[in-house]
Every structure is written in structure tokens, then in C-alpha cells.
Amino acid sequence: MKAKAADKIATAIIVVFSLFIVAVLLGLLGFILYRGLSHISWHFLTSVPQTIREGGGIGPQLFNSLFLLVLTLIITIPLGLGAGIYMAEYAKPGKITGAIRLVVEVLSSFPSIVVGLFGLLLIVNTFGFGFSLFSGALVLTIFNLPLMVRITEQAFRSVPKEQKEAGLALGLSKWKIITSVLFPVALPSIVTGTVLAAGRVFGEAAALLFTAGMSTPRLDFTNWNPLSPTSPINPFRPAETLAVHIWKINSEGIAPDAAEIAAGASAVLVILVLVFNLFARWFGNLLYKIMTASKRMG
């Protein structure tokens, strides 16, 4: 077989597989949105769920998912950035570095149910945080740290060595090179890692069953005291997220419109993930342009 013919066949196979994957993805998204969009309304997005009667909403669960995302990223991003920068710029090859890499790889392969049980035993019971948003955020941090560490390390290692050497030639300190030279270039990849981590926060259910809980107290959205048990921004209250709510409705929902609520909640969850992805990428590109423009002006 001639080289050109083999190249055309290989290219055709790759294109077919790519189109198949895109078609499956679009079909899945279309099916979820088709079933759920007709059930979404302002009342559905803001009202509390109903156990027996129909007409319930997902207001508290939607807020809990967004608030849990914020808490998780507040913990995950600094730890992931710090560990990734250390592995890329400071860690020297050796047994300790190898052990750290092994731990990171093992953490990334843990089943979510195992991490959830670990959180139940250690964070919920031993440390006494109970079923709460904070417990859920700590468990999700365990999930997301390996991803953030690997992507941050790879992003810094992918920066051309010439840029780093130019900084050293100008007499810049190592930390100055990291923050002013390497970080702006690595930022788009870091944003991608953050988006992937956020997607796991939105979609995770198994681990949160054992840490954040399966119920939400009556919330008073006029009470912004973070220590009040009825405050929506209290991180130490139980919180049923949207993904857990979908699982709960499908498994044990007895409301007459349980199927419609599950379909609507699923569509909202998909839309949330899509909107967050688009916003994060736009914000990352904007931040990159601002940081690189300020460096050029300086």
C-alpha cells in the first residue's frame, strides 16, 4: 500500500471516530435538554422542593451546588497551584519526589465512594464537622488536587526554556520569574484544569452523600450571618446538592411530578456546566491578555 493511500485511510478513520464521539455527545446533551428545558421556569429555579405534592423546585439545591463550588475552589486552587509549582520548579529528582508523584497518582484513581466513606469516618465523625458543605468541600478537594497538581506542573514545564533563561539573564529572582514570566504563559492551561475540577464538583454525588448530606434546612436568604444555622452562606450546615437531589428523586421520589423534576434538574445541571466552562475560558483568556499586556507595557 502506498504511503498516500495509507495516510488517507488513517485520516478517514480518525475523522469518522471523531464525528462519532461528537455525535454521541451532542445526542446526549440534546436528549437531556429536550426532556428538561420545558420544565424550567423561574418558580422551578427558586422554590423549595416538595416531598409529596407536585410543583416543587430546586432553589436550595441549586444554591448549594454553586456555594459548594466556590468553597471547593477556594481550597483546591491555592493547594493545587502551590504543589504544582513546587513539583515543576523546586522538586529535585529523588525518592521523595517519586513518593509524592505516586501519592498524587493513587489519589486520582480512588473511587468516589471510597473517598466519600473516608470523609465520613475522618472529617464528618472524627473531626466533628458533621454533614456539611465544609466536609463536602474537603472531600472534593481530595478529588481535585491530583488533577490541579498535574496540570499546573505540566503547564509550567511546557513554557519555553528560553523565557526562563531570559529572566535569569536579567537577574530576576526565581519567584519573580515564576510569577511574572512563567505564570502568565501557563495560565490558560491552569484555567483548563480549574474548569475540569469544577465539572467534577457539579457532577459528584456519591462522595457528597456521606459528607454534605441528603437534606437542606429551611434557608432564610435574608439572613447573611455565616454562623446562623438558617443562613445560606453557613459552610457548616447540611446541604443537598443538585446532583444528589437528582439521584434522590430518581431513586426514592414519591411526588407526582418526580420524573419532570429530575429531567428539569438534569437540564439545569448541564447548562450550569456549559456556562461555567465558557465563562472560565473567557475569563482565563482575558486575564492572560491583561497580564501579558501589562508586562509588555512595563
Protein backbone atom coordinates (compact mmCIF):
# COMPACT_ATOMS: atom_id res chain seq x y z
CA MET A 1 0.00 0.00 0.00
CA LYS A 2 1.33 3.40 -0.96
CA ALA A 3 2.06 5.99 1.72
CA LYS A 4 -0.52 8.46 0.40
CA ALA A 5 -3.28 5.83 0.38
CA ALA A 6 -2.40 4.73 3.92
CA ASP A 7 -2.43 8.36 5.05
CA LYS A 8 -5.88 8.93 3.53
CA ILE A 9 -7.30 5.78 5.14
CA ALA A 10 -5.87 6.69 8.56
CA THR A 11 -7.19 10.23 8.26
CA ALA A 12 -10.65 8.96 7.28
CA ILE A 13 -10.74 6.57 10.27
CA ILE A 14 -9.73 9.33 12.66
CA VAL A 15 -12.37 11.68 11.24
CA VAL A 16 -15.08 9.01 11.50
CA PHE A 17 -14.25 8.27 15.14
CA SER A 18 -14.14 11.99 15.95
CA LEU A 19 -17.51 12.60 14.30
CA PHE A 20 -18.96 9.59 16.13
CA ILE A 21 -17.79 10.91 19.52
CA VAL A 22 -19.14 14.38 18.76
CA ALA A 23 -22.46 12.90 17.60
CA VAL A 24 -22.80 10.83 20.79
CA LEU A 25 -22.01 13.88 22.94
CA LEU A 26 -24.45 16.13 21.07
CA GLY A 27 -27.10 13.42 21.17
CA LEU A 28 -26.73 13.00 24.93
CA LEU A 29 -26.83 16.75 25.57
CA GLY A 30 -29.76 17.17 23.19
CA PHE A 31 -31.72 14.37 24.87
CA ILE A 32 -31.19 15.83 28.36
CA LEU A 33 -32.07 19.36 27.27
CA TYR A 34 -35.08 18.20 25.22
CA ARG A 35 -36.56 16.39 28.23
CA GLY A 36 -35.77 19.08 30.75
CA LEU A 37 -35.98 22.55 29.19
CA SER A 38 -39.79 22.59 29.13
CA HIS A 39 -39.88 22.14 32.92
CA ILE A 40 -37.50 25.01 33.73
CA SER A 41 -39.07 28.23 34.98
CA TRP A 42 -38.24 30.95 37.47
CA HIS A 43 -40.50 29.25 40.02
CA PHE A 44 -38.69 25.94 39.43
CA LEU A 45 -35.26 27.57 39.91
CA THR A 46 -36.16 29.46 43.10
CA SER A 47 -38.76 27.44 45.00
CA VAL A 48 -38.10 24.71 47.57
CA PRO A 49 -38.64 21.04 46.69
CA GLN A 50 -41.81 19.20 47.65
CA THR A 51 -41.79 15.67 49.08
CA ILE A 52 -45.38 14.63 48.35
CA ARG A 53 -47.08 17.44 46.45
CA GLU A 54 -46.22 18.41 42.90
CA GLY A 55 -44.84 21.77 41.84
CA GLY A 56 -41.58 21.65 43.81
CA GLY A 57 -38.38 23.36 42.72
CA ILE A 58 -34.63 23.14 43.13
CA GLY A 59 -33.79 26.55 44.62
CA PRO A 60 -31.83 25.43 47.73
CA GLN A 61 -30.08 22.63 45.83
CA LEU A 62 -29.02 24.99 43.04
CA PHE A 63 -27.60 27.48 45.56
CA ASN A 64 -25.87 24.65 47.47
CA SER A 65 -24.13 23.44 44.29
CA LEU A 66 -22.82 26.91 43.45
CA PHE A 67 -21.75 27.63 47.02
CA LEU A 68 -20.00 24.25 47.28
CA LEU A 69 -18.17 25.03 44.03
CA VAL A 70 -16.88 28.30 45.48
CA LEU A 71 -15.77 26.66 48.75
CA THR A 72 -14.02 23.81 46.93
CA LEU A 73 -12.15 26.08 44.54
CA ILE A 74 -11.06 28.35 47.42
CA ILE A 75 -9.36 25.32 48.97
CA THR A 76 -8.25 23.48 45.83
CA ILE A 77 -6.72 26.25 43.71
CA PRO A 78 -4.09 27.53 46.21
CA LEU A 79 -3.09 23.98 47.22
CA GLY A 80 -3.00 22.73 43.63
CA LEU A 81 -1.05 25.75 42.36
CA GLY A 82 1.44 25.56 45.20
CA ALA A 83 2.04 21.83 44.83
CA GLY A 84 2.26 22.05 41.04
CA ILE A 85 4.75 24.91 41.14
CA TYR A 86 6.83 23.03 43.70
CA MET A 87 6.89 19.88 41.56
CA ALA A 88 7.79 21.82 38.40
CA GLU A 89 10.32 24.35 39.71
CA TYR A 90 11.65 23.29 43.09
CA ALA A 91 11.43 19.49 43.50
CA LYS A 92 14.62 17.62 42.67
CA PRO A 93 14.52 14.09 41.25
CA GLY A 94 14.72 11.57 44.06
CA LYS A 95 12.80 9.21 46.33
CA ILE A 96 10.76 11.96 47.99
CA THR A 97 9.66 13.44 44.68
CA GLY A 98 8.85 9.95 43.39
CA ALA A 99 6.78 9.25 46.51
CA ILE A 100 4.85 12.48 46.04
CA ARG A 101 4.09 11.61 42.42
CA LEU A 102 2.95 8.14 43.48
CA VAL A 103 0.58 9.60 46.09
CA VAL A 104 -0.84 12.00 43.52
CA GLU A 105 -1.45 9.17 41.04
CA VAL A 106 -3.07 6.96 43.70
CA LEU A 107 -5.38 9.76 44.81
CA SER A 108 -6.52 10.35 41.24
CA SER A 109 -7.55 6.69 40.85
CA PHE A 110 -9.62 6.36 44.04
CA PRO A 111 -13.34 5.57 43.50
CA SER A 112 -15.57 8.40 44.67
CA ILE A 113 -17.48 6.13 47.05
CA VAL A 114 -14.24 5.20 48.84
CA VAL A 115 -13.25 8.84 49.24
CA GLY A 116 -16.77 9.58 50.50
CA LEU A 117 -16.52 6.87 53.16
CA PHE A 118 -13.08 8.18 54.14
CA GLY A 119 -14.60 11.65 54.52
CA LEU A 120 -17.46 10.22 56.59
CA LEU A 121 -15.10 8.47 59.00
CA LEU A 122 -12.43 11.17 59.30
CA ILE A 123 -13.96 14.57 58.50
CA VAL A 124 -17.59 14.05 59.49
CA ASN A 125 -17.17 11.82 62.56
CA THR A 126 -13.57 12.07 63.86
CA PHE A 127 -13.05 15.81 63.27
CA GLY A 128 -16.68 16.52 64.15
CA PHE A 129 -17.61 18.72 61.18
CA GLY A 130 -20.76 16.67 60.62
CA PHE A 131 -22.72 16.59 57.38
CA SER A 132 -21.88 20.00 55.99
CA LEU A 133 -20.77 21.97 52.99
CA PHE A 134 -17.29 22.24 54.51
CA SER A 135 -16.98 18.45 54.79
CA GLY A 136 -18.10 18.10 51.19
CA ALA A 137 -15.62 20.74 50.03
CA LEU A 138 -12.72 18.95 51.78
CA VAL A 139 -13.63 15.63 50.16
CA LEU A 140 -13.95 17.22 46.72
CA THR A 141 -10.56 18.84 47.28
CA ILE A 142 -9.09 15.34 47.68
CA PHE A 143 -10.62 14.50 44.28
CA ASN A 144 -9.45 17.61 42.51
CA LEU A 145 -5.95 18.08 43.93
CA PRO A 146 -4.25 15.42 41.74
CA LEU A 147 -5.74 16.98 38.62
CA MET A 148 -4.77 20.52 39.60
CA VAL A 149 -1.24 19.47 40.60
CA ARG A 150 -0.59 17.57 37.36
CA ILE A 151 -1.99 20.27 35.08
CA THR A 152 -0.14 23.07 36.91
CA GLU A 153 3.13 21.13 36.75
CA GLN A 154 2.71 20.36 33.06
CA ALA A 155 1.69 23.95 32.31
CA PHE A 156 4.88 25.32 33.90
CA ARG A 157 7.07 22.69 32.27
CA SER A 158 5.61 23.50 28.85
CA VAL A 159 6.80 27.11 29.00
CA PRO A 160 9.81 27.50 26.64
CA LYS A 161 13.13 27.38 28.49
CA GLU A 162 14.27 30.47 26.61
CA GLN A 163 11.80 32.64 28.54
CA LYS A 164 13.06 31.35 31.87
CA GLU A 165 16.69 31.78 30.82
CA ALA A 166 15.95 35.34 29.69
CA GLY A 167 14.62 36.12 33.17
CA LEU A 168 17.72 34.65 34.78
CA ALA A 169 19.92 36.70 32.44
CA LEU A 170 18.12 39.86 33.59
CA GLY A 171 18.95 38.99 37.20
CA LEU A 172 15.39 38.23 38.27
CA SER A 173 14.81 36.07 41.33
CA LYS A 174 13.29 32.61 40.91
CA TRP A 175 9.99 33.68 42.46
CA LYS A 176 9.85 36.75 40.22
CA ILE A 177 10.41 34.55 37.17
CA ILE A 178 7.63 32.21 38.29
CA THR A 179 5.08 34.98 38.92
CA SER A 180 6.00 37.36 36.10
CA VAL A 181 7.32 35.13 33.31
CA LEU A 182 6.07 31.58 33.69
CA PHE A 183 2.66 32.05 35.30
CA PRO A 184 1.10 34.27 32.56
CA VAL A 185 2.12 31.75 29.88
CA ALA A 186 0.88 28.77 31.93
CA LEU A 187 -2.40 30.47 32.87
CA PRO A 188 -4.61 29.11 30.01
CA SER A 189 -3.69 25.52 30.92
CA ILE A 190 -4.29 26.21 34.61
CA VAL A 191 -7.73 27.63 33.77
CA THR A 192 -8.47 24.43 31.85
CA GLY A 193 -7.55 22.40 34.92
CA THR A 194 -9.79 24.57 37.08
CA VAL A 195 -12.69 24.05 34.67
CA LEU A 196 -12.23 20.26 34.76
CA ALA A 197 -12.09 20.35 38.55
CA ALA A 198 -15.26 22.45 38.68
CA GLY A 199 -17.04 19.96 36.44
CA ARG A 200 -16.40 17.22 38.99
CA VAL A 201 -17.80 19.45 41.73
CA PHE A 202 -21.05 19.95 39.82
CA GLY A 203 -21.47 16.30 38.90
CA GLU A 204 -20.27 14.47 42.02
CA ALA A 205 -22.94 12.70 44.06
CA ALA A 206 -21.54 9.53 45.66
CA ALA A 207 -18.95 11.24 47.88
CA LEU A 208 -21.34 14.02 48.88
CA LEU A 209 -23.96 11.55 50.12
CA PHE A 210 -21.61 10.74 53.01
CA THR A 211 -20.24 14.22 53.69
CA ALA A 212 -22.54 17.08 52.66
CA GLY A 213 -25.70 15.11 53.42
CA MET A 214 -29.02 14.43 51.72
CA SER A 215 -31.07 17.22 53.24
CA THR A 216 -31.10 21.00 53.45
CA PRO A 217 -32.54 23.01 56.36
CA ARG A 218 -35.00 25.78 55.73
CA LEU A 219 -32.85 28.65 54.50
CA ASP A 220 -33.52 32.32 55.16
CA PHE A 221 -32.00 34.21 52.24
CA THR A 222 -32.33 37.48 54.18
CA ASN A 223 -30.01 36.12 56.89
CA TRP A 224 -26.37 36.51 55.81
CA ASN A 225 -24.82 35.65 59.16
CA PRO A 226 -22.39 32.80 58.30
CA LEU A 227 -22.75 31.34 61.80
CA SER A 228 -26.55 31.09 61.76
CA PRO A 229 -27.97 27.59 61.07
CA THR A 230 -30.57 29.05 58.67
CA SER A 231 -28.09 31.24 56.78
CA PRO A 232 -27.44 30.13 53.18
CA ILE A 233 -23.73 31.04 53.49
CA ASN A 234 -23.14 28.96 56.62
CA PRO A 235 -20.50 26.44 55.50
CA PHE A 236 -21.18 24.11 58.45
CA ARG A 237 -24.81 23.26 57.65
CA PRO A 238 -26.04 20.16 55.79
CA ALA A 239 -26.52 20.76 52.07
CA GLU A 240 -28.10 18.58 49.42
CA THR A 241 -26.55 19.45 46.06
CA LEU A 242 -28.25 19.33 42.68
CA ALA A 243 -26.56 16.07 41.65
CA VAL A 244 -27.55 14.39 44.93
CA HIS A 245 -31.09 15.76 44.54
CA ILE A 246 -31.37 14.21 41.04
CA TRP A 247 -30.21 10.85 42.40
CA LYS A 248 -32.59 11.08 45.34
CA ILE A 249 -35.61 11.91 43.17
CA ASN A 250 -34.88 9.12 40.70
CA SER A 251 -34.33 6.54 43.45
CA GLU A 252 -36.95 7.39 46.07
CA GLY A 253 -39.02 10.37 44.86
CA ILE A 254 -42.77 9.99 45.52
CA ALA A 255 -44.01 13.35 44.22
CA PRO A 256 -46.40 13.03 41.25
CA ASP A 257 -44.06 15.06 39.03
CA ALA A 258 -40.80 13.43 40.21
CA ALA A 259 -39.77 12.47 36.67
CA GLU A 260 -40.31 16.02 35.39
CA ILE A 261 -38.34 17.50 38.32
CA ALA A 262 -35.46 15.10 37.67
CA ALA A 263 -35.45 15.97 33.97
CA GLY A 264 -35.52 19.71 34.66
CA ALA A 265 -32.79 19.46 37.31
CA SER A 266 -30.61 17.44 34.92
CA ALA A 267 -31.01 20.09 32.22
CA VAL A 268 -30.12 22.83 34.71
CA LEU A 269 -27.01 20.91 35.76
CA VAL A 270 -25.87 20.51 32.14
CA ILE A 271 -26.47 24.20 31.43
CA LEU A 272 -24.53 25.16 34.58
CA VAL A 273 -21.51 23.13 33.48
CA LEU A 274 -21.61 24.58 29.95
CA VAL A 275 -21.97 28.18 31.16
CA PHE A 276 -19.19 27.78 33.72
CA ASN A 277 -16.88 26.30 31.08
CA LEU A 278 -17.49 29.17 28.68
CA PHE A 279 -17.13 31.81 31.39
CA ALA A 280 -13.94 30.29 32.81
CA ARG A 281 -12.30 30.12 29.40
CA TRP A 282 -13.32 33.69 28.59
CA PHE A 283 -12.03 34.91 31.95
CA GLY A 284 -8.77 32.99 31.57
CA ASN A 285 -8.13 34.48 28.12
CA LEU A 286 -8.99 37.96 29.42
CA LEU A 287 -6.66 37.55 32.39
CA TYR A 288 -3.89 36.30 30.11
CA LYS A 289 -4.25 39.31 27.82
CA ILE A 290 -4.25 41.72 30.77
CA MET A 291 -1.16 40.12 32.35
CA THR A 292 0.83 39.89 29.13
CA ALA A 293 -0.18 43.40 28.05
CA SER A 294 0.94 44.87 31.38
CA LYS A 295 4.29 43.09 31.01
CA ARG A 296 4.78 44.49 27.51
CA MET A 297 3.86 47.99 28.67
CA GLY A 298 6.23 47.66 31.58
